[in-house]
Amino acid sequence: MSNSSIQDYQFIDKNVAAKLTGLSGDTLKRYRQKGKLQKDIHWVSVNSRVVRYNKTLLIDWIQNHQSNPKAHSKAIENYLASLPSSQKKTKGKRS
């Protein structure tokens, strides 16, 4: 089980993502378009004009995508496990 919770994952705009990673907004867009950054993992589309980046996974990707891809895959697994849709539903007791 993961120690991460959904609160550990913050979404940021392209300007913050660019500053944080040292990559330009255009490079981030190109990485999205080429699939280097995965939709609904590393970034989400809020609407047709707004994209937000998963801060934690973006930093992890920068650090690990070449040198330790297994570690980055584990970070993705932890994120997915933290989502409310991945939580086990508990049955309530009836009185």
N, C-alpha and C. Protein backbone atom coordinates (compact mmCIF):
# COMPACT_ATOMS: atom_id res chain seq x y z
N MET A 1 0.84 -1.18 0.00
CA MET A 1 0.00 0.00 0.00
C MET A 1 0.88 1.25 0.00
N SER A 2 0.40 2.28 -0.56
CA SER A 2 1.14 3.52 -0.74
C SER A 2 1.04 4.42 0.49
N ASN A 3 2.11 5.17 0.74
CA ASN A 3 2.09 6.16 1.81
C ASN A 3 1.59 7.50 1.31
N SER A 4 1.38 7.61 0.00
CA SER A 4 0.95 8.87 -0.60
C SER A 4 -0.55 9.04 -0.46
N SER A 5 -0.96 10.28 -0.37
CA SER A 5 -2.38 10.59 -0.40
C SER A 5 -2.59 11.60 -1.51
N ILE A 6 -3.83 11.75 -1.91
CA ILE A 6 -4.13 12.67 -3.00
C ILE A 6 -3.67 14.09 -2.66
N GLN A 7 -3.60 14.44 -1.38
CA GLN A 7 -3.15 15.77 -0.99
C GLN A 7 -1.68 16.01 -1.33
N ASP A 8 -0.93 14.93 -1.59
CA ASP A 8 0.48 15.06 -1.94
C ASP A 8 0.69 15.50 -3.38
N TYR A 9 -0.39 15.55 -4.15
CA TYR A 9 -0.28 15.84 -5.58
C TYR A 9 -0.97 17.16 -5.90
N GLN A 10 -0.14 18.14 -6.26
CA GLN A 10 -0.61 19.48 -6.57
C GLN A 10 -0.49 19.69 -8.08
N PHE A 11 -1.44 20.39 -8.67
CA PHE A 11 -1.39 20.69 -10.10
C PHE A 11 -1.01 22.14 -10.30
N ILE A 12 -0.11 22.37 -11.24
CA ILE A 12 0.47 23.70 -11.46
C ILE A 12 0.33 24.09 -12.93
N ASP A 13 0.36 25.39 -13.19
CA ASP A 13 0.26 25.86 -14.58
C ASP A 13 1.60 25.75 -15.29
N LYS A 14 1.60 26.02 -16.59
CA LYS A 14 2.82 25.81 -17.38
C LYS A 14 3.96 26.74 -16.97
N ASN A 15 3.63 27.95 -16.51
CA ASN A 15 4.70 28.87 -16.10
C ASN A 15 5.43 28.35 -14.87
N VAL A 16 4.69 27.85 -13.90
CA VAL A 16 5.30 27.29 -12.69
C VAL A 16 6.06 26.02 -13.07
N ALA A 17 5.46 25.18 -13.92
CA ALA A 17 6.11 23.94 -14.35
C ALA A 17 7.41 24.23 -15.09
N ALA A 18 7.39 25.24 -15.94
CA ALA A 18 8.59 25.61 -16.70
C ALA A 18 9.70 26.09 -15.75
N LYS A 19 9.32 26.93 -14.80
CA LYS A 19 10.30 27.45 -13.84
C LYS A 19 10.87 26.32 -12.98
N LEU A 20 10.00 25.42 -12.55
CA LEU A 20 10.38 24.31 -11.68
C LEU A 20 11.32 23.32 -12.38
N THR A 21 11.08 23.07 -13.65
CA THR A 21 11.86 22.06 -14.39
C THR A 21 13.02 22.63 -15.19
N GLY A 22 12.97 23.93 -15.45
CA GLY A 22 14.00 24.52 -16.31
C GLY A 22 13.71 24.30 -17.79
N LEU A 23 12.53 23.78 -18.09
CA LEU A 23 12.11 23.57 -19.47
C LEU A 23 11.18 24.70 -19.88
N SER A 24 11.17 25.04 -21.16
CA SER A 24 10.26 26.09 -21.61
C SER A 24 8.84 25.54 -21.72
N GLY A 25 7.89 26.44 -21.75
CA GLY A 25 6.51 26.04 -21.96
C GLY A 25 6.34 25.30 -23.28
N ASP A 26 7.07 25.74 -24.31
CA ASP A 26 7.00 25.07 -25.61
C ASP A 26 7.55 23.64 -25.53
N THR A 27 8.61 23.45 -24.77
CA THR A 27 9.17 22.10 -24.61
C THR A 27 8.20 21.21 -23.86
N LEU A 28 7.58 21.73 -22.82
CA LEU A 28 6.58 20.94 -22.10
C LEU A 28 5.44 20.54 -23.03
N LYS A 29 4.99 21.47 -23.86
CA LYS A 29 3.92 21.18 -24.82
C LYS A 29 4.37 20.11 -25.82
N ARG A 30 5.58 20.23 -26.31
CA ARG A 30 6.11 19.24 -27.25
C ARG A 30 6.20 17.87 -26.60
N TYR A 31 6.64 17.80 -25.35
CA TYR A 31 6.71 16.52 -24.62
C TYR A 31 5.32 15.93 -24.43
N ARG A 32 4.32 16.78 -24.19
CA ARG A 32 2.94 16.29 -24.10
C ARG A 32 2.49 15.71 -25.43
N GLN A 33 2.74 16.45 -26.50
CA GLN A 33 2.29 16.02 -27.82
C GLN A 33 2.97 14.74 -28.29
N LYS A 34 4.23 14.56 -27.91
CA LYS A 34 4.97 13.35 -28.29
C LYS A 34 4.70 12.17 -27.36
N GLY A 35 3.98 12.43 -26.26
CA GLY A 35 3.66 11.37 -25.32
C GLY A 35 4.74 11.09 -24.29
N LYS A 36 5.77 11.94 -24.25
CA LYS A 36 6.79 11.78 -23.21
C LYS A 36 6.18 12.04 -21.84
N LEU A 37 5.29 13.02 -21.78
CA LEU A 37 4.51 13.30 -20.59
C LEU A 37 3.11 12.76 -20.85
N GLN A 38 2.65 11.88 -20.00
CA GLN A 38 1.39 11.17 -20.22
C GLN A 38 0.18 11.96 -19.72
N LYS A 39 -0.85 12.00 -20.58
CA LYS A 39 -2.09 12.66 -20.20
C LYS A 39 -2.73 11.93 -19.03
N ASP A 40 -3.30 12.67 -18.12
CA ASP A 40 -3.95 12.18 -16.90
C ASP A 40 -2.98 11.53 -15.92
N ILE A 41 -1.70 11.64 -16.20
CA ILE A 41 -0.65 11.21 -15.27
C ILE A 41 0.20 12.43 -14.94
N HIS A 42 0.95 12.89 -15.94
CA HIS A 42 1.83 14.05 -15.76
C HIS A 42 1.10 15.36 -15.96
N TRP A 43 0.02 15.33 -16.70
CA TRP A 43 -0.74 16.55 -16.98
C TRP A 43 -2.20 16.21 -17.21
N VAL A 44 -3.05 17.22 -16.99
CA VAL A 44 -4.47 17.09 -17.25
C VAL A 44 -4.94 18.30 -18.05
N SER A 45 -5.94 18.07 -18.85
CA SER A 45 -6.55 19.15 -19.61
C SER A 45 -7.82 19.57 -18.87
N VAL A 46 -7.82 20.80 -18.38
CA VAL A 46 -8.96 21.32 -17.65
C VAL A 46 -10.07 21.69 -18.63
N ASN A 47 -9.68 22.28 -19.74
CA ASN A 47 -10.58 22.56 -20.87
C ASN A 47 -9.71 22.70 -22.11
N SER A 48 -10.27 23.16 -23.21
CA SER A 48 -9.52 23.20 -24.46
C SER A 48 -8.33 24.15 -24.44
N ARG A 49 -8.29 25.04 -23.48
CA ARG A 49 -7.20 26.03 -23.43
C ARG A 49 -6.32 25.93 -22.19
N VAL A 50 -6.71 25.12 -21.20
CA VAL A 50 -6.00 25.10 -19.92
C VAL A 50 -5.45 23.71 -19.62
N VAL A 51 -4.14 23.67 -19.39
CA VAL A 51 -3.45 22.43 -19.01
C VAL A 51 -2.81 22.66 -17.66
N ARG A 52 -2.87 21.65 -16.82
CA ARG A 52 -2.19 21.70 -15.52
C ARG A 52 -1.28 20.49 -15.40
N TYR A 53 -0.13 20.71 -14.77
CA TYR A 53 0.87 19.66 -14.60
C TYR A 53 0.88 19.15 -13.17
N ASN A 54 1.06 17.85 -13.03
CA ASN A 54 1.18 17.21 -11.74
C ASN A 54 2.60 17.50 -11.23
N LYS A 55 2.70 18.38 -10.27
CA LYS A 55 4.00 18.86 -9.79
C LYS A 55 4.90 17.71 -9.32
N THR A 56 4.38 16.84 -8.49
CA THR A 56 5.18 15.74 -7.93
C THR A 56 5.69 14.82 -9.02
N LEU A 57 4.80 14.42 -9.93
CA LEU A 57 5.22 13.48 -10.98
C LEU A 57 6.12 14.14 -12.02
N LEU A 58 5.92 15.43 -12.25
CA LEU A 58 6.78 16.14 -13.20
C LEU A 58 8.22 16.20 -12.67
N ILE A 59 8.37 16.53 -11.40
CA ILE A 59 9.70 16.55 -10.79
C ILE A 59 10.32 15.15 -10.80
N ASP A 60 9.51 14.15 -10.46
CA ASP A 60 10.01 12.79 -10.46
C ASP A 60 10.43 12.36 -11.87
N TRP A 61 9.64 12.75 -12.87
CA TRP A 61 9.96 12.42 -14.26
C TRP A 61 11.30 13.03 -14.66
N ILE A 62 11.49 14.31 -14.33
CA ILE A 62 12.76 14.99 -14.65
C ILE A 62 13.92 14.23 -14.02
N GLN A 63 13.75 13.81 -12.78
CA GLN A 63 14.82 13.13 -12.05
C GLN A 63 15.07 11.71 -12.55
N ASN A 64 14.01 10.97 -12.88
CA ASN A 64 14.15 9.53 -13.06
C ASN A 64 13.86 8.95 -14.45
N HIS A 65 13.27 9.70 -15.36
CA HIS A 65 12.80 9.06 -16.60
C HIS A 65 13.90 8.40 -17.41
N GLN A 66 15.11 8.88 -17.34
CA GLN A 66 16.21 8.25 -18.07
C GLN A 66 17.04 7.33 -17.17
N SER A 67 17.38 7.80 -16.00
CA SER A 67 18.30 7.06 -15.13
C SER A 67 17.64 5.94 -14.33
N ASN A 68 16.36 6.10 -14.00
CA ASN A 68 15.69 5.10 -13.17
C ASN A 68 14.19 5.03 -13.51
N PRO A 69 13.87 4.56 -14.70
CA PRO A 69 12.46 4.53 -15.12
C PRO A 69 11.57 3.66 -14.22
N LYS A 70 12.14 2.64 -13.59
CA LYS A 70 11.34 1.80 -12.68
C LYS A 70 10.88 2.61 -11.48
N ALA A 71 11.73 3.48 -10.98
CA ALA A 71 11.36 4.33 -9.84
C ALA A 71 10.23 5.28 -10.26
N HIS A 72 10.31 5.80 -11.48
CA HIS A 72 9.25 6.69 -11.94
C HIS A 72 7.94 5.92 -12.14
N SER A 73 8.02 4.71 -12.63
CA SER A 73 6.82 3.88 -12.77
C SER A 73 6.17 3.64 -11.40
N LYS A 74 6.99 3.45 -10.40
CA LYS A 74 6.48 3.26 -9.03
C LYS A 74 5.81 4.54 -8.53
N ALA A 75 6.38 5.69 -8.86
CA ALA A 75 5.77 6.96 -8.47
C ALA A 75 4.40 7.11 -9.12
N ILE A 76 4.28 6.69 -10.38
CA ILE A 76 2.99 6.73 -11.08
C ILE A 76 2.00 5.79 -10.40
N GLU A 77 2.44 4.59 -10.07
CA GLU A 77 1.57 3.62 -9.37
C GLU A 77 1.05 4.22 -8.06
N ASN A 78 1.94 4.86 -7.31
CA ASN A 78 1.55 5.47 -6.03
C ASN A 78 0.50 6.56 -6.24
N TYR A 79 0.70 7.36 -7.28
CA TYR A 79 -0.27 8.42 -7.59
C TYR A 79 -1.63 7.81 -7.93
N LEU A 80 -1.64 6.85 -8.82
CA LEU A 80 -2.90 6.24 -9.22
C LEU A 80 -3.61 5.58 -8.04
N ALA A 81 -2.84 4.96 -7.16
CA ALA A 81 -3.42 4.31 -5.97
C ALA A 81 -4.00 5.34 -5.01
N SER A 82 -3.51 6.57 -5.04
CA SER A 82 -3.99 7.60 -4.12
C SER A 82 -5.29 8.25 -4.57
N LEU A 83 -5.67 8.06 -5.82
CA LEU A 83 -6.88 8.69 -6.33
C LEU A 83 -8.13 8.13 -5.65
N PRO A 84 -9.11 8.98 -5.40
CA PRO A 84 -10.35 8.50 -4.77
C PRO A 84 -10.99 7.35 -5.55
N SER A 85 -10.89 7.36 -6.86
CA SER A 85 -11.49 6.29 -7.67
C SER A 85 -10.79 4.95 -7.47
N SER A 86 -9.62 4.96 -6.88
CA SER A 86 -8.87 3.73 -6.62
C SER A 86 -9.08 3.20 -5.21
N GLN A 87 -9.78 3.95 -4.39
CA GLN A 87 -9.96 3.54 -3.00
C GLN A 87 -11.04 2.47 -2.91
N LYS A 88 -10.82 1.52 -2.05
CA LYS A 88 -11.82 0.48 -1.83
C LYS A 88 -13.02 1.09 -1.15
N LYS A 89 -14.16 0.68 -1.63
CA LYS A 89 -15.39 1.14 -1.03
C LYS A 89 -15.71 0.28 0.18
N THR A 90 -16.06 0.92 1.27
CA THR A 90 -16.42 0.16 2.47
C THR A 90 -17.94 0.12 2.58
N LYS A 91 -18.42 -1.03 2.94
CA LYS A 91 -19.85 -1.19 3.11
C LYS A 91 -20.21 -0.71 4.50
N GLY A 92 -21.21 0.13 4.57
CA GLY A 92 -21.66 0.63 5.86
C GLY A 92 -22.55 -0.39 6.55
N LYS A 93 -22.48 -0.38 7.86
CA LYS A 93 -23.33 -1.29 8.64
C LYS A 93 -24.73 -0.68 8.72
N ARG A 94 -25.69 -1.54 8.58
CA ARG A 94 -27.06 -1.08 8.74
C ARG A 94 -27.51 -1.35 10.15
N SER A 95 -28.25 -0.42 10.69
CA SER A 95 -28.74 -0.59 12.07
C SER A 95 -30.04 -1.33 12.08
